[in-house]
Amino acid sequence: MTTGLVRPTVSTELIVFGALVVAVAIALLSVGRHLYPRLDLHEDELTSIRLLTALISGLLLLIGLGLVVIGFMM
């Protein structure tokens, strides 16, 4: 029987999956940064693609960080 001093376990799977999602978000931003100057698009189209990439990366980043936090709380 424990006295309450034992720390609850963490969910390693959630932490690892969250870290992978954060890495994918950072990789997406990095690839976009190197790929966009090579595209032959008008400025408005390029701005729209950059905004869409930033929104997707931001969403992935928030999901990944949320998974890491939930993994530590479990």
PDB file of N, CA and C in Angstrom:
ATOM      1  N   MET A   1       0.841  -1.175   0.000  1.00  0.00           N
ATOM      2  CA  MET A   1       0.000   0.000   0.000  1.00  0.00           C
ATOM      3  C   MET A   1       0.891   1.244   0.000  1.00  0.00           C
ATOM      4  N   THR A   2       0.548   2.225  -0.806  1.00  0.00           N
ATOM      5  CA  THR A   2       1.360   3.438  -0.902  1.00  0.00           C
ATOM      6  C   THR A   2       0.822   4.504   0.039  1.00  0.00           C
ATOM      7  N   THR A   3       1.671   5.470   0.325  1.00  0.00           N
ATOM      8  CA  THR A   3       1.284   6.558   1.228  1.00  0.00           C
ATOM      9  C   THR A   3       0.933   7.829   0.479  1.00  0.00           C
ATOM     10  N   GLY A   4       0.781   7.755  -0.811  1.00  0.00           N
ATOM     11  CA  GLY A   4       0.438   8.945  -1.586  1.00  0.00           C
ATOM     12  C   GLY A   4       1.650   9.695  -2.103  1.00  0.00           C
ATOM     13  N   LEU A   5       2.834   9.191  -1.854  1.00  0.00           N
ATOM     14  CA  LEU A   5       4.047   9.858  -2.315  1.00  0.00           C
ATOM     15  C   LEU A   5       4.493   9.364  -3.680  1.00  0.00           C
ATOM     16  N   VAL A   6       3.821   8.375  -4.202  1.00  0.00           N
ATOM     17  CA  VAL A   6       4.178   7.817  -5.497  1.00  0.00           C
ATOM     18  C   VAL A   6       3.602   8.710  -6.588  1.00  0.00           C
ATOM     19  N   ARG A   7       4.440   9.113  -7.508  1.00  0.00           N
ATOM     20  CA  ARG A   7       4.007   9.977  -8.610  1.00  0.00           C
ATOM     21  C   ARG A   7       3.247   9.148  -9.633  1.00  0.00           C
ATOM     22  N   PRO A   8       2.130   9.680 -10.139  1.00  0.00           N
ATOM     23  CA  PRO A   8       1.410   8.924 -11.169  1.00  0.00           C
ATOM     24  C   PRO A   8       2.258   8.775 -12.429  1.00  0.00           C
ATOM     25  N   THR A   9       2.015   7.718 -13.140  1.00  0.00           N
ATOM     26  CA  THR A   9       2.800   7.462 -14.346  1.00  0.00           C
ATOM     27  C   THR A   9       2.387   8.406 -15.472  1.00  0.00           C
ATOM     28  N   VAL A  10       3.276   8.592 -16.420  1.00  0.00           N
ATOM     29  CA  VAL A  10       2.992   9.422 -17.588  1.00  0.00           C
ATOM     30  C   VAL A  10       2.702   8.511 -18.773  1.00  0.00           C
ATOM     31  N   SER A  11       1.985   9.055 -19.736  1.00  0.00           N
ATOM     32  CA  SER A  11       1.675   8.291 -20.941  1.00  0.00           C
ATOM     33  C   SER A  11       2.761   8.572 -21.980  1.00  0.00           C
ATOM     34  N   THR A  12       3.687   7.659 -22.090  1.00  0.00           N
ATOM     35  CA  THR A  12       4.820   7.836 -22.994  1.00  0.00           C
ATOM     36  C   THR A  12       4.376   7.910 -24.449  1.00  0.00           C
ATOM     37  N   GLU A  13       3.352   7.158 -24.799  1.00  0.00           N
ATOM     38  CA  GLU A  13       2.881   7.163 -26.187  1.00  0.00           C
ATOM     39  C   GLU A  13       2.370   8.540 -26.597  1.00  0.00           C
ATOM     40  N   LEU A  14       1.596   9.179 -25.712  1.00  0.00           N
ATOM     41  CA  LEU A  14       1.078  10.508 -26.031  1.00  0.00           C
ATOM     42  C   LEU A  14       2.200  11.534 -26.135  1.00  0.00           C
ATOM     43  N   ILE A  15       3.180  11.426 -25.268  1.00  0.00           N
ATOM     44  CA  ILE A  15       4.294  12.375 -25.294  1.00  0.00           C
ATOM     45  C   ILE A  15       5.095  12.216 -26.585  1.00  0.00           C
ATOM     46  N   VAL A  16       5.381  10.991 -26.961  1.00  0.00           N
ATOM     47  CA  VAL A  16       6.148  10.745 -28.187  1.00  0.00           C
ATOM     48  C   VAL A  16       5.352  11.171 -29.412  1.00  0.00           C
ATOM     49  N   PHE A  17       4.068  10.829 -29.452  1.00  0.00           N
ATOM     50  CA  PHE A  17       3.238  11.215 -30.590  1.00  0.00           C
ATOM     51  C   PHE A  17       3.115  12.739 -30.676  1.00  0.00           C
ATOM     52  N   GLY A  18       2.983  13.406 -29.541  1.00  0.00           N
ATOM     53  CA  GLY A  18       2.932  14.866 -29.533  1.00  0.00           C
ATOM     54  C   GLY A  18       4.229  15.481 -30.024  1.00  0.00           C
ATOM     55  N   ALA A  19       5.352  14.916 -29.615  1.00  0.00           N
ATOM     56  CA  ALA A  19       6.646  15.421 -30.078  1.00  0.00           C
ATOM     57  C   ALA A  19       6.806  15.215 -31.581  1.00  0.00           C
ATOM     58  N   LEU A  20       6.316  14.094 -32.092  1.00  0.00           N
ATOM     59  CA  LEU A  20       6.375  13.858 -33.538  1.00  0.00           C
ATOM     60  C   LEU A  20       5.506  14.853 -34.305  1.00  0.00           C
ATOM     61  N   VAL A  21       4.338  15.170 -33.777  1.00  0.00           N
ATOM     62  CA  VAL A  21       3.461  16.136 -34.438  1.00  0.00           C
ATOM     63  C   VAL A  21       4.108  17.518 -34.442  1.00  0.00           C
ATOM     64  N   VAL A  22       4.755  17.902 -33.349  1.00  0.00           N
ATOM     65  CA  VAL A  22       5.470  19.181 -33.301  1.00  0.00           C
ATOM     66  C   VAL A  22       6.604  19.183 -34.323  1.00  0.00           C
ATOM     67  N   ALA A  23       7.320  18.070 -34.445  1.00  0.00           N
ATOM     68  CA  ALA A  23       8.404  17.978 -35.428  1.00  0.00           C
ATOM     69  C   ALA A  23       7.875  18.090 -36.852  1.00  0.00           C
ATOM     70  N   VAL A  24       6.717  17.496 -37.116  1.00  0.00           N
ATOM     71  CA  VAL A  24       6.112  17.601 -38.451  1.00  0.00           C
ATOM     72  C   VAL A  24       5.723  19.046 -38.742  1.00  0.00           C
ATOM     73  N   ALA A  25       5.197  19.748 -37.753  1.00  0.00           N
ATOM     74  CA  ALA A  25       4.825  21.154 -37.946  1.00  0.00           C
ATOM     75  C   ALA A  25       6.048  22.005 -38.267  1.00  0.00           C
ATOM     76  N   ILE A  26       7.130  21.790 -37.554  1.00  0.00           N
ATOM     77  CA  ILE A  26       8.359  22.547 -37.804  1.00  0.00           C
ATOM     78  C   ILE A  26       8.935  22.191 -39.171  1.00  0.00           C
ATOM     79  N   ALA A  27       8.883  20.913 -39.534  1.00  0.00           N
ATOM     80  CA  ALA A  27       9.382  20.495 -40.850  1.00  0.00           C
ATOM     81  C   ALA A  27       8.549  21.102 -41.971  1.00  0.00           C
ATOM     82  N   LEU A  28       7.243  21.186 -41.786  1.00  0.00           N
ATOM     83  CA  LEU A  28       6.373  21.788 -42.792  1.00  0.00           C
ATOM     84  C   LEU A  28       6.725  23.257 -43.006  1.00  0.00           C
ATOM     85  N   LEU A  29       6.971  23.971 -41.929  1.00  0.00           N
ATOM     86  CA  LEU A  29       7.374  25.373 -42.065  1.00  0.00           C
ATOM     87  C   LEU A  29       8.728  25.500 -42.752  1.00  0.00           C
ATOM     88  N   SER A  30       9.647  24.614 -42.412  1.00  0.00           N
ATOM     89  CA  SER A  30      10.977  24.664 -43.011  1.00  0.00           C
ATOM     90  C   SER A  30      10.941  24.345 -44.501  1.00  0.00           C
ATOM     91  N   VAL A  31      10.194  23.316 -44.873  1.00  0.00           N
ATOM     92  CA  VAL A  31      10.081  22.950 -46.289  1.00  0.00           C
ATOM     93  C   VAL A  31       9.408  24.071 -47.070  1.00  0.00           C
ATOM     94  N   GLY A  32       8.381  24.645 -46.494  1.00  0.00           N
ATOM     95  CA  GLY A  32       7.699  25.753 -47.158  1.00  0.00           C
ATOM     96  C   GLY A  32       8.607  26.947 -47.370  1.00  0.00           C
ATOM     97  N   ARG A  33       9.440  27.215 -46.391  1.00  0.00           N
ATOM     98  CA  ARG A  33      10.355  28.355 -46.498  1.00  0.00           C
ATOM     99  C   ARG A  33      11.344  28.184 -47.653  1.00  0.00           C
ATOM    100  N   HIS A  34      11.778  26.956 -47.886  1.00  0.00           N
ATOM    101  CA  HIS A  34      12.728  26.702 -48.970  1.00  0.00           C
ATOM    102  C   HIS A  34      12.044  26.483 -50.315  1.00  0.00           C
ATOM    103  N   LEU A  35      10.791  26.044 -50.293  1.00  0.00           N
ATOM    104  CA  LEU A  35      10.096  25.720 -51.529  1.00  0.00           C
ATOM    105  C   LEU A  35       9.408  26.931 -52.154  1.00  0.00           C
ATOM    106  N   TYR A  36       8.856  27.817 -51.356  1.00  0.00           N
ATOM    107  CA  TYR A  36       8.051  28.915 -51.885  1.00  0.00           C
ATOM    108  C   TYR A  36       8.794  29.865 -52.815  1.00  0.00           C
ATOM    109  N   PRO A  37      10.050  30.190 -52.578  1.00  0.00           N
ATOM    110  CA  PRO A  37      10.728  31.082 -53.534  1.00  0.00           C
ATOM    111  C   PRO A  37      10.874  30.472 -54.929  1.00  0.00           C
ATOM    112  N   ARG A  38      10.821  29.160 -55.035  1.00  0.00           N
ATOM    113  CA  ARG A  38      10.977  28.500 -56.334  1.00  0.00           C
ATOM    114  C   ARG A  38       9.674  28.432 -57.125  1.00  0.00           C
ATOM    115  N   LEU A  39       8.557  28.670 -56.469  1.00  0.00           N
ATOM    116  CA  LEU A  39       7.267  28.603 -57.156  1.00  0.00           C
ATOM    117  C   LEU A  39       7.075  29.835 -58.028  1.00  0.00           C
ATOM    118  N   ASP A  40       6.519  29.619 -59.195  1.00  0.00           N
ATOM    119  CA  ASP A  40       6.253  30.727 -60.111  1.00  0.00           C
ATOM    120  C   ASP A  40       4.778  31.105 -59.991  1.00  0.00           C
ATOM    121  N   LEU A  41       4.464  31.856 -58.928  1.00  0.00           N
ATOM    122  CA  LEU A  41       3.090  32.252 -58.654  1.00  0.00           C
ATOM    123  C   LEU A  41       3.006  33.763 -58.486  1.00  0.00           C
ATOM    124  N   HIS A  42       1.805  34.276 -58.669  1.00  0.00           N
ATOM    125  CA  HIS A  42       1.584  35.692 -58.402  1.00  0.00           C
ATOM    126  C   HIS A  42       1.691  35.944 -56.898  1.00  0.00           C
ATOM    127  N   GLU A  43       1.892  37.192 -56.542  1.00  0.00           N
ATOM    128  CA  GLU A  43       2.096  37.539 -55.131  1.00  0.00           C
ATOM    129  C   GLU A  43       0.871  37.192 -54.277  1.00  0.00           C
ATOM    130  N   ASP A  44      -0.332  37.400 -54.804  1.00  0.00           N
ATOM    131  CA  ASP A  44      -1.544  37.081 -54.040  1.00  0.00           C
ATOM    132  C   ASP A  44      -1.668  35.580 -53.790  1.00  0.00           C
ATOM    133  N   GLU A  45      -1.361  34.790 -54.793  1.00  0.00           N
ATOM    134  CA  GLU A  45      -1.432  33.337 -54.636  1.00  0.00           C
ATOM    135  C   GLU A  45      -0.384  32.846 -53.652  1.00  0.00           C
ATOM    136  N   LEU A  46       0.800  33.404 -53.738  1.00  0.00           N
ATOM    137  CA  LEU A  46       1.876  33.012 -52.833  1.00  0.00           C
ATOM    138  C   LEU A  46       1.538  33.384 -51.393  1.00  0.00           C
ATOM    139  N   THR A  47       0.923  34.547 -51.209  1.00  0.00           N
ATOM    140  CA  THR A  47       0.510  34.970 -49.874  1.00  0.00           C
ATOM    141  C   THR A  47      -0.544  34.027 -49.308  1.00  0.00           C
ATOM    142  N   SER A  48      -1.480  33.605 -50.136  1.00  0.00           N
ATOM    143  CA  SER A  48      -2.522  32.677 -49.687  1.00  0.00           C
ATOM    144  C   SER A  48      -1.927  31.329 -49.291  1.00  0.00           C
ATOM    145  N   ILE A  49      -0.981  30.835 -50.072  1.00  0.00           N
ATOM    146  CA  ILE A  49      -0.351  29.548 -49.757  1.00  0.00           C
ATOM    147  C   ILE A  49       0.465  29.654 -48.473  1.00  0.00           C
ATOM    148  N   ARG A  50       1.160  30.754 -48.287  1.00  0.00           N
ATOM    149  CA  ARG A  50       1.926  30.945 -47.047  1.00  0.00           C
ATOM    150  C   ARG A  50       1.005  31.006 -45.832  1.00  0.00           C
ATOM    151  N   LEU A  51      -0.121  31.697 -45.971  1.00  0.00           N
ATOM    152  CA  LEU A  51      -1.070  31.787 -44.868  1.00  0.00           C
ATOM    153  C   LEU A  51      -1.652  30.416 -44.544  1.00  0.00           C
ATOM    154  N   LEU A  52      -2.014  29.659 -45.562  1.00  0.00           N
ATOM    155  CA  LEU A  52      -2.558  28.324 -45.347  1.00  0.00           C
ATOM    156  C   LEU A  52      -1.532  27.415 -44.672  1.00  0.00           C
ATOM    157  N   THR A  53      -0.288  27.497 -45.097  1.00  0.00           N
ATOM    158  CA  THR A  53       0.767  26.696 -44.474  1.00  0.00           C
ATOM    159  C   THR A  53       0.972  27.093 -43.020  1.00  0.00           C
ATOM    160  N   ALA A  54       0.943  28.386 -42.750  1.00  0.00           N
ATOM    161  CA  ALA A  54       1.105  28.848 -41.373  1.00  0.00           C
ATOM    162  C   ALA A  54      -0.055  28.388 -40.495  1.00  0.00           C
ATOM    163  N   LEU A  55      -1.268  28.414 -41.028  1.00  0.00           N
ATOM    164  CA  LEU A  55      -2.423  27.955 -40.252  1.00  0.00           C
ATOM    165  C   LEU A  55      -2.349  26.460 -39.962  1.00  0.00           C
ATOM    166  N   ILE A  56      -1.985  25.674 -40.962  1.00  0.00           N
ATOM    167  CA  ILE A  56      -1.870  24.228 -40.762  1.00  0.00           C
ATOM    168  C   ILE A  56      -0.752  23.912 -39.769  1.00  0.00           C
ATOM    169  N   SER A  57       0.378  24.588 -39.898  1.00  0.00           N
ATOM    170  CA  SER A  57       1.493  24.350 -38.982  1.00  0.00           C
ATOM    171  C   SER A  57       1.139  24.775 -37.563  1.00  0.00           C
ATOM    172  N   GLY A  58       0.454  25.889 -37.437  1.00  0.00           N
ATOM    173  CA  GLY A  58       0.035  26.344 -36.111  1.00  0.00           C
ATOM    174  C   GLY A  58      -0.921  25.368 -35.456  1.00  0.00           C
ATOM    175  N   LEU A  59      -1.845  24.839 -36.238  1.00  0.00           N
ATOM    176  CA  LEU A  59      -2.783  23.857 -35.710  1.00  0.00           C
ATOM    177  C   LEU A  59      -2.056  22.580 -35.287  1.00  0.00           C
ATOM    178  N   LEU A  60      -1.131  22.119 -36.114  1.00  0.00           N
ATOM    179  CA  LEU A  60      -0.345  20.936 -35.751  1.00  0.00           C
ATOM    180  C   LEU A  60       0.489  21.185 -34.496  1.00  0.00           C
ATOM    181  N   LEU A  61       1.049  22.369 -34.385  1.00  0.00           N
ATOM    182  CA  LEU A  61       1.854  22.705 -33.214  1.00  0.00           C
ATOM    183  C   LEU A  61       1.010  22.690 -31.945  1.00  0.00           C
ATOM    184  N   LEU A  62      -0.178  23.281 -32.004  1.00  0.00           N
ATOM    185  CA  LEU A  62      -1.058  23.280 -30.834  1.00  0.00           C
ATOM    186  C   LEU A  62      -1.516  21.871 -30.470  1.00  0.00           C
ATOM    187  N   ILE A  63      -1.835  21.069 -31.464  1.00  0.00           N
ATOM    188  CA  ILE A  63      -2.245  19.687 -31.196  1.00  0.00           C
ATOM    189  C   ILE A  63      -1.092  18.907 -30.562  1.00  0.00           C
ATOM    190  N   GLY A  64       0.110  19.072 -31.104  1.00  0.00           N
ATOM    191  CA  GLY A  64       1.267  18.364 -30.557  1.00  0.00           C
ATOM    192  C   GLY A  64       1.579  18.767 -29.131  1.00  0.00           C
ATOM    193  N   LEU A  65       1.537  20.064 -28.859  1.00  0.00           N
ATOM    194  CA  LEU A  65       1.795  20.525 -27.493  1.00  0.00           C
ATOM    195  C   LEU A  65       0.698  20.056 -26.543  1.00  0.00           C
ATOM    196  N   GLY A  66      -0.534  20.043 -27.029  1.00  0.00           N
ATOM    197  CA  GLY A  66      -1.628  19.537 -26.202  1.00  0.00           C
ATOM    198  C   GLY A  66      -1.452  18.067 -25.866  1.00  0.00           C
ATOM    199  N   LEU A  67      -1.017  17.282 -26.831  1.00  0.00           N
ATOM    200  CA  LEU A  67      -0.775  15.861 -26.572  1.00  0.00           C
ATOM    201  C   LEU A  67       0.342  15.660 -25.559  1.00  0.00           C
ATOM    202  N   VAL A  68       1.375  16.474 -25.651  1.00  0.00           N
ATOM    203  CA  VAL A  68       2.476  16.361 -24.687  1.00  0.00           C
ATOM    204  C   VAL A  68       1.987  16.708 -23.283  1.00  0.00           C
ATOM    205  N   VAL A  69       1.212  17.771 -23.163  1.00  0.00           N
ATOM    206  CA  VAL A  69       0.694  18.168 -21.846  1.00  0.00           C
ATOM    207  C   VAL A  69      -0.229  17.092 -21.285  1.00  0.00           C
ATOM    208  N   ILE A  70      -1.124  16.574 -22.114  1.00  0.00           N
ATOM    209  CA  ILE A  70      -2.032  15.519 -21.654  1.00  0.00           C
ATOM    210  C   ILE A  70      -1.243  14.265 -21.281  1.00  0.00           C
ATOM    211  N   GLY A  71      -0.188  13.974 -22.032  1.00  0.00           N
ATOM    212  CA  GLY A  71       0.648  12.817 -21.707  1.00  0.00           C
ATOM    213  C   GLY A  71       1.319  12.947 -20.358  1.00  0.00           C
ATOM    214  N   PHE A  72       1.719  14.157 -19.978  1.00  0.00           N
ATOM    215  CA  PHE A  72       2.338  14.352 -18.669  1.00  0.00           C
ATOM    216  C   PHE A  72       1.303  14.348 -17.547  1.00  0.00           C
ATOM    217  N   MET A  73       0.076  14.715 -17.853  1.00  0.00           N
ATOM    218  CA  MET A  73      -0.955  14.765 -16.819  1.00  0.00           C
ATOM    219  C   MET A  73      -1.555  13.396 -16.525  1.00  0.00           C
ATOM    220  N   MET A  74      -1.444  12.465 -17.451  1.00  0.00           N
ATOM    221  CA  MET A  74      -2.044  11.135 -17.232  1.00  0.00           C
ATOM    222  C   MET A  74      -1.176  10.296 -16.332  1.00  0.00           C
TER     223      MET A  74
END
